[in-house]
Amino acid sequence: MKYKLAVLLAALFCAGGVMAPKTAEAIRLNIEIGDRPYYTHGPWYWNDGVRWYWIPGHWGWRYHRHAWIPGHYAPR
């Protein structure tokens, strides 16, 4: 029994030594939530005396299910 435990610990020690350089490398994971501003004029602009504002995308209820509504310009 002690022999099996010693072999198991030696195997774990060797595996840990092999894995040590890999664990030192950082893994980066970026998760973005929301809509990026894909506007071309900026957050707002003037057109024929009307100020148009960027409305970001959002989830809405369309056709009896949730759907992504992309961002767009609209007057206020």
C-alpha atoms as a PDB file:
ATOM      1  CA  MET A   1       0.000   0.000   0.000  1.00  0.00           C
ATOM      2  CA  LYS A   2       2.807   2.393   0.902  1.00  0.00           C
ATOM      3  CA  TYR A   3       4.545   1.512  -2.353  1.00  0.00           C
ATOM      4  CA  LYS A   4       1.470   2.469  -4.429  1.00  0.00           C
ATOM      5  CA  LEU A   5       1.103   5.732  -2.494  1.00  0.00           C
ATOM      6  CA  ALA A   6       4.781   6.565  -3.046  1.00  0.00           C
ATOM      7  CA  VAL A   7       4.472   5.843  -6.783  1.00  0.00           C
ATOM      8  CA  LEU A   8       1.319   7.963  -6.990  1.00  0.00           C
ATOM      9  CA  LEU A   9       2.982  10.875  -5.186  1.00  0.00           C
ATOM     10  CA  ALA A  10       6.072  10.581  -7.379  1.00  0.00           C
ATOM     11  CA  ALA A  11       3.893  10.615 -10.514  1.00  0.00           C
ATOM     12  CA  LEU A  12       2.006  13.676  -9.289  1.00  0.00           C
ATOM     13  CA  PHE A  13       5.284  15.408  -8.426  1.00  0.00           C
ATOM     14  CA  CYS A  14       6.693  14.713 -11.894  1.00  0.00           C
ATOM     15  CA  ALA A  15       3.481  15.817 -13.597  1.00  0.00           C
ATOM     16  CA  GLY A  16       3.507  18.988 -11.521  1.00  0.00           C
ATOM     17  CA  GLY A  17       7.078  19.685 -12.598  1.00  0.00           C
ATOM     18  CA  VAL A  18       6.123  19.275 -16.245  1.00  0.00           C
ATOM     19  CA  MET A  19       3.033  21.450 -15.860  1.00  0.00           C
ATOM     20  CA  ALA A  20       4.743  24.246 -13.889  1.00  0.00           C
ATOM     21  CA  PRO A  21       5.959  26.288 -16.927  1.00  0.00           C
ATOM     22  CA  LYS A  22       2.494  26.167 -18.498  1.00  0.00           C
ATOM     23  CA  THR A  23       0.754  27.448 -15.386  1.00  0.00           C
ATOM     24  CA  ALA A  24       3.028  30.493 -15.289  1.00  0.00           C
ATOM     25  CA  GLU A  25       1.593  31.741 -18.587  1.00  0.00           C
ATOM     26  CA  ALA A  26      -1.436  33.925 -18.210  1.00  0.00           C
ATOM     27  CA  ILE A  27      -4.651  33.146 -20.013  1.00  0.00           C
ATOM     28  CA  ARG A  28      -6.752  36.175 -20.917  1.00  0.00           C
ATOM     29  CA  LEU A  29     -10.463  35.925 -21.565  1.00  0.00           C
ATOM     30  CA  ASN A  30     -12.484  38.989 -22.546  1.00  0.00           C
ATOM     31  CA  ILE A  31     -16.265  39.016 -22.429  1.00  0.00           C
ATOM     32  CA  GLU A  32     -18.027  42.078 -23.767  1.00  0.00           C
ATOM     33  CA  ILE A  33     -21.613  42.792 -22.915  1.00  0.00           C
ATOM     34  CA  GLY A  34     -23.618  45.350 -24.809  1.00  0.00           C
ATOM     35  CA  ASP A  35     -23.460  46.968 -28.191  1.00  0.00           C
ATOM     36  CA  ARG A  36     -20.367  48.579 -29.566  1.00  0.00           C
ATOM     37  CA  PRO A  37     -20.969  52.037 -31.020  1.00  0.00           C
ATOM     38  CA  TYR A  38     -20.906  51.256 -34.737  1.00  0.00           C
ATOM     39  CA  TYR A  39     -21.930  54.797 -35.549  1.00  0.00           C
ATOM     40  CA  THR A  40     -20.316  56.718 -38.387  1.00  0.00           C
ATOM     41  CA  HIS A  41     -21.078  60.299 -37.279  1.00  0.00           C
ATOM     42  CA  GLY A  42     -20.358  59.984 -33.547  1.00  0.00           C
ATOM     43  CA  PRO A  43     -22.890  59.806 -30.717  1.00  0.00           C
ATOM     44  CA  TRP A  44     -24.989  62.536 -32.377  1.00  0.00           C
ATOM     45  CA  TYR A  45     -25.021  64.799 -35.428  1.00  0.00           C
ATOM     46  CA  TRP A  46     -27.116  67.534 -37.066  1.00  0.00           C
ATOM     47  CA  ASN A  47     -29.015  66.943 -40.307  1.00  0.00           C
ATOM     48  CA  ASP A  48     -31.429  69.562 -41.738  1.00  0.00           C
ATOM     49  CA  GLY A  49     -31.895  71.218 -38.343  1.00  0.00           C
ATOM     50  CA  VAL A  50     -32.651  67.933 -36.551  1.00  0.00           C
ATOM     51  CA  ARG A  51     -30.269  66.444 -34.016  1.00  0.00           C
ATOM     52  CA  TRP A  52     -29.922  62.682 -34.524  1.00  0.00           C
ATOM     53  CA  TYR A  53     -28.778  60.538 -31.574  1.00  0.00           C
ATOM     54  CA  TRP A  54     -27.242  57.080 -31.582  1.00  0.00           C
ATOM     55  CA  ILE A  55     -29.474  54.513 -29.884  1.00  0.00           C
ATOM     56  CA  PRO A  56     -27.454  51.427 -28.870  1.00  0.00           C
ATOM     57  CA  GLY A  57     -28.599  47.918 -29.709  1.00  0.00           C
ATOM     58  CA  HIS A  58     -30.703  45.970 -27.248  1.00  0.00           C
ATOM     59  CA  TRP A  59     -32.729  42.803 -26.852  1.00  0.00           C
ATOM     60  CA  GLY A  60     -36.402  43.179 -27.721  1.00  0.00           C
ATOM     61  CA  TRP A  61     -39.491  41.062 -28.228  1.00  0.00           C
ATOM     62  CA  ARG A  62     -40.107  40.568 -31.962  1.00  0.00           C
ATOM     63  CA  TYR A  63     -42.143  37.892 -33.752  1.00  0.00           C
ATOM     64  CA  HIS A  64     -42.984  36.062 -30.509  1.00  0.00           C
ATOM     65  CA  ARG A  65     -39.341  35.628 -29.478  1.00  0.00           C
ATOM     66  CA  HIS A  66     -36.368  37.606 -28.217  1.00  0.00           C
ATOM     67  CA  ALA A  67     -34.343  39.222 -30.982  1.00  0.00           C
ATOM     68  CA  TRP A  68     -31.332  41.539 -31.093  1.00  0.00           C
ATOM     69  CA  ILE A  69     -32.229  45.006 -32.339  1.00  0.00           C
ATOM     70  CA  PRO A  70     -29.075  46.656 -33.704  1.00  0.00           C
ATOM     71  CA  GLY A  71     -28.118  50.214 -32.876  1.00  0.00           C
ATOM     72  CA  HIS A  72     -29.353  53.044 -35.099  1.00  0.00           C
ATOM     73  CA  TYR A  73     -29.733  56.809 -35.294  1.00  0.00           C
ATOM     74  CA  ALA A  74     -33.040  58.424 -34.383  1.00  0.00           C
ATOM     75  CA  PRO A  75     -34.191  62.035 -33.832  1.00  0.00           C
ATOM     76  CA  ARG A  76     -35.230  63.182 -30.372  1.00  0.00           C
END
